[in-house]
Amino acid sequence: MNKKYNEFIQQKPNQMAQTISDMTYMYKETVVPKEHYKKILEEVIEEEMSEIIQYQMLEIVYKNLKHLYEESPQLFFKGLMCIFKKIKPNDIRPVEQKALAIVSDELFTNQKYYSILNQELLNMYDEILKGNDIKPAYIITEKSN
């Protein structure tokens, strides 16, 4: 037995919008133009696709970064330093090489624990996980870097 739902899901967004508009009218003769529903249907589809693509890209980036980190944590760290300091490895100067080596040794050889991420960002993340609102104190400015 075919139900209205089965017919509805086979419609295109324009037809769906008209169907919803018609159903809304049948409830106490409430008039809502189909354009209203069409806009909502299209926005939801675009937002969901954009979000899906973002998480797929995040998964790819995560896997690549994890692999690079597992292969050579020091090179991984040096690569991040180059990115954030806008140093191109092909054009690296001796003083930049020395600075990278010293900072990398400080992090790995001396086994001092430093977070690669800004501590304020890590705290903000933890607060969000706890369900706390983000307070203005957690807003990161360029000066706090």
Protein backbone atom coordinates (compact mmCIF):
# COMPACT_ATOMS: atom_id res chain seq x y z
CA MET A 1 0.00 0.00 0.00
CA ASN A 2 1.52 3.32 -1.09
CA LYS A 3 1.49 6.15 1.47
CA LYS A 4 1.65 9.90 0.93
CA TYR A 5 5.14 9.89 2.42
CA ASN A 6 6.41 7.55 -0.33
CA GLU A 7 5.07 9.88 -3.01
CA PHE A 8 6.38 12.95 -1.19
CA ILE A 9 10.00 11.78 -0.97
CA GLN A 10 10.08 11.16 -4.72
CA GLN A 11 9.17 14.78 -5.50
CA LYS A 12 11.59 17.53 -6.43
CA PRO A 13 12.04 20.42 -3.96
CA ASN A 14 9.65 22.67 -5.89
CA GLN A 15 6.92 20.02 -5.79
CA MET A 16 7.67 19.27 -2.13
CA ALA A 17 7.29 22.95 -1.28
CA GLN A 18 3.90 23.07 -3.01
CA THR A 19 2.77 19.90 -1.22
CA ILE A 20 3.79 21.29 2.17
CA SER A 21 2.07 24.59 1.37
CA ASP A 22 -1.10 22.68 0.46
CA MET A 23 -0.94 20.61 3.66
CA THR A 24 -0.47 23.78 5.71
CA TYR A 25 -3.52 25.34 4.07
CA MET A 26 -5.59 22.28 4.94
CA TYR A 27 -4.88 23.04 8.61
CA LYS A 28 -7.20 25.92 9.51
CA GLU A 29 -6.76 27.43 6.01
CA THR A 30 -3.32 28.80 6.89
CA VAL A 31 -1.69 30.31 3.81
CA VAL A 32 2.07 29.95 3.51
CA PRO A 33 3.56 30.50 0.05
CA LYS A 34 5.42 27.55 -1.43
CA GLU A 35 8.48 29.80 -1.93
CA HIS A 36 8.89 29.87 1.84
CA TYR A 37 9.13 26.08 2.03
CA LYS A 38 11.24 25.84 -1.11
CA LYS A 39 13.80 28.21 0.38
CA ILE A 40 13.94 26.16 3.58
CA LEU A 41 14.27 22.86 1.71
CA GLU A 42 17.13 24.16 -0.41
CA GLU A 43 18.97 25.77 2.53
CA VAL A 44 18.90 22.58 4.55
CA ILE A 45 20.25 20.55 1.65
CA GLU A 46 23.07 23.05 1.01
CA GLU A 47 24.01 23.29 4.69
CA GLU A 48 24.04 19.52 5.14
CA MET A 49 26.17 18.98 2.03
CA SER A 50 28.60 21.68 3.09
CA GLU A 51 28.88 20.18 6.56
CA ILE A 52 29.35 16.65 5.20
CA ILE A 53 32.10 17.84 2.86
CA GLN A 54 33.81 19.73 5.67
CA TYR A 55 33.91 16.65 7.89
CA GLN A 56 35.15 14.47 5.04
CA MET A 57 37.95 16.97 4.43
CA LEU A 58 38.69 17.09 8.16
CA GLU A 59 38.98 13.29 8.20
CA ILE A 60 41.48 13.40 5.31
CA VAL A 61 43.55 16.13 6.95
CA TYR A 62 43.44 14.32 10.30
CA LYS A 63 44.65 11.03 8.82
CA ASN A 64 47.47 12.75 6.93
CA LEU A 65 48.61 14.75 9.96
CA LYS A 66 48.43 11.70 12.22
CA HIS A 67 50.52 9.68 9.76
CA LEU A 68 53.11 12.46 9.48
CA TYR A 69 53.27 12.81 13.25
CA GLU A 70 53.71 9.07 13.74
CA GLU A 71 56.47 8.92 11.12
CA SER A 72 58.53 11.79 12.56
CA PRO A 73 57.21 13.95 15.39
CA GLN A 74 60.17 16.32 15.09
CA LEU A 75 59.69 16.92 11.37
CA PHE A 76 55.97 17.30 11.97
CA PHE A 77 56.65 19.99 14.58
CA LYS A 78 59.22 21.71 12.37
CA GLY A 79 56.72 21.68 9.50
CA LEU A 80 54.12 23.37 11.69
CA MET A 81 56.67 25.96 12.78
CA CYS A 82 57.47 26.67 9.12
CA ILE A 83 53.79 27.11 8.32
CA PHE A 84 53.09 29.45 11.22
CA LYS A 85 56.31 31.42 10.77
CA LYS A 86 55.77 31.55 6.98
CA ILE A 87 59.12 29.89 6.25
CA LYS A 88 59.45 27.99 3.00
CA PRO A 89 61.74 24.98 3.59
CA ASN A 90 63.31 25.45 0.14
CA ASP A 91 64.30 29.02 1.08
CA ILE A 92 65.24 28.45 4.73
CA ARG A 93 68.14 30.55 6.01
CA PRO A 94 70.81 29.18 8.36
CA VAL A 95 69.53 31.24 11.29
CA GLU A 96 66.02 29.82 10.74
CA GLN A 97 67.42 26.28 10.60
CA LYS A 98 69.23 26.88 13.89
CA ALA A 99 66.10 28.32 15.52
CA LEU A 100 64.00 25.35 14.38
CA ALA A 101 66.60 22.89 15.67
CA ILE A 102 66.85 24.57 19.08
CA VAL A 103 63.09 24.84 19.55
CA SER A 104 62.57 21.27 18.35
CA ASP A 105 65.27 19.97 20.70
CA GLU A 106 63.69 21.89 23.55
CA LEU A 107 60.37 20.22 22.85
CA PHE A 108 61.59 16.66 22.21
CA THR A 109 65.13 16.04 23.50
CA ASN A 110 64.77 17.77 26.85
CA GLN A 111 61.33 16.18 27.19
CA LYS A 112 59.79 19.40 28.38
CA TYR A 113 56.07 19.33 27.83
CA TYR A 114 54.81 22.19 25.77
CA SER A 115 51.52 22.23 24.02
CA ILE A 116 51.84 23.04 20.37
CA LEU A 117 48.41 24.67 20.56
CA ASN A 118 47.76 27.89 22.42
CA GLN A 119 46.67 27.03 25.98
CA GLU A 120 43.76 29.47 25.75
CA LEU A 121 42.38 27.50 22.79
CA LEU A 122 42.73 24.22 24.67
CA ASN A 123 40.93 25.72 27.68
CA MET A 124 38.16 27.06 25.45
CA TYR A 125 37.67 23.60 23.93
CA ASP A 126 37.46 21.99 27.39
CA GLU A 127 34.92 24.56 28.55
CA ILE A 128 32.72 23.92 25.51
CA LEU A 129 32.85 20.17 26.19
CA LYS A 130 31.70 20.84 29.75
CA GLY A 131 28.72 22.75 28.36
CA ASN A 132 29.90 26.12 29.63
CA ASP A 133 29.30 29.30 27.70
CA ILE A 134 32.36 30.90 26.20
CA LYS A 135 33.15 34.04 28.13
CA PRO A 136 34.87 37.06 26.60
CA ALA A 137 38.06 36.07 28.46
CA TYR A 138 38.43 33.17 26.04
CA ILE A 139 38.26 35.31 22.94
CA ILE A 140 41.70 35.12 21.38
CA THR A 141 43.26 38.28 20.04
CA GLU A 142 46.39 38.65 17.97
CA LYS A 143 48.19 40.21 20.95
CA SER A 144 47.67 37.09 23.09
CA ASN A 145 49.55 34.84 20.65
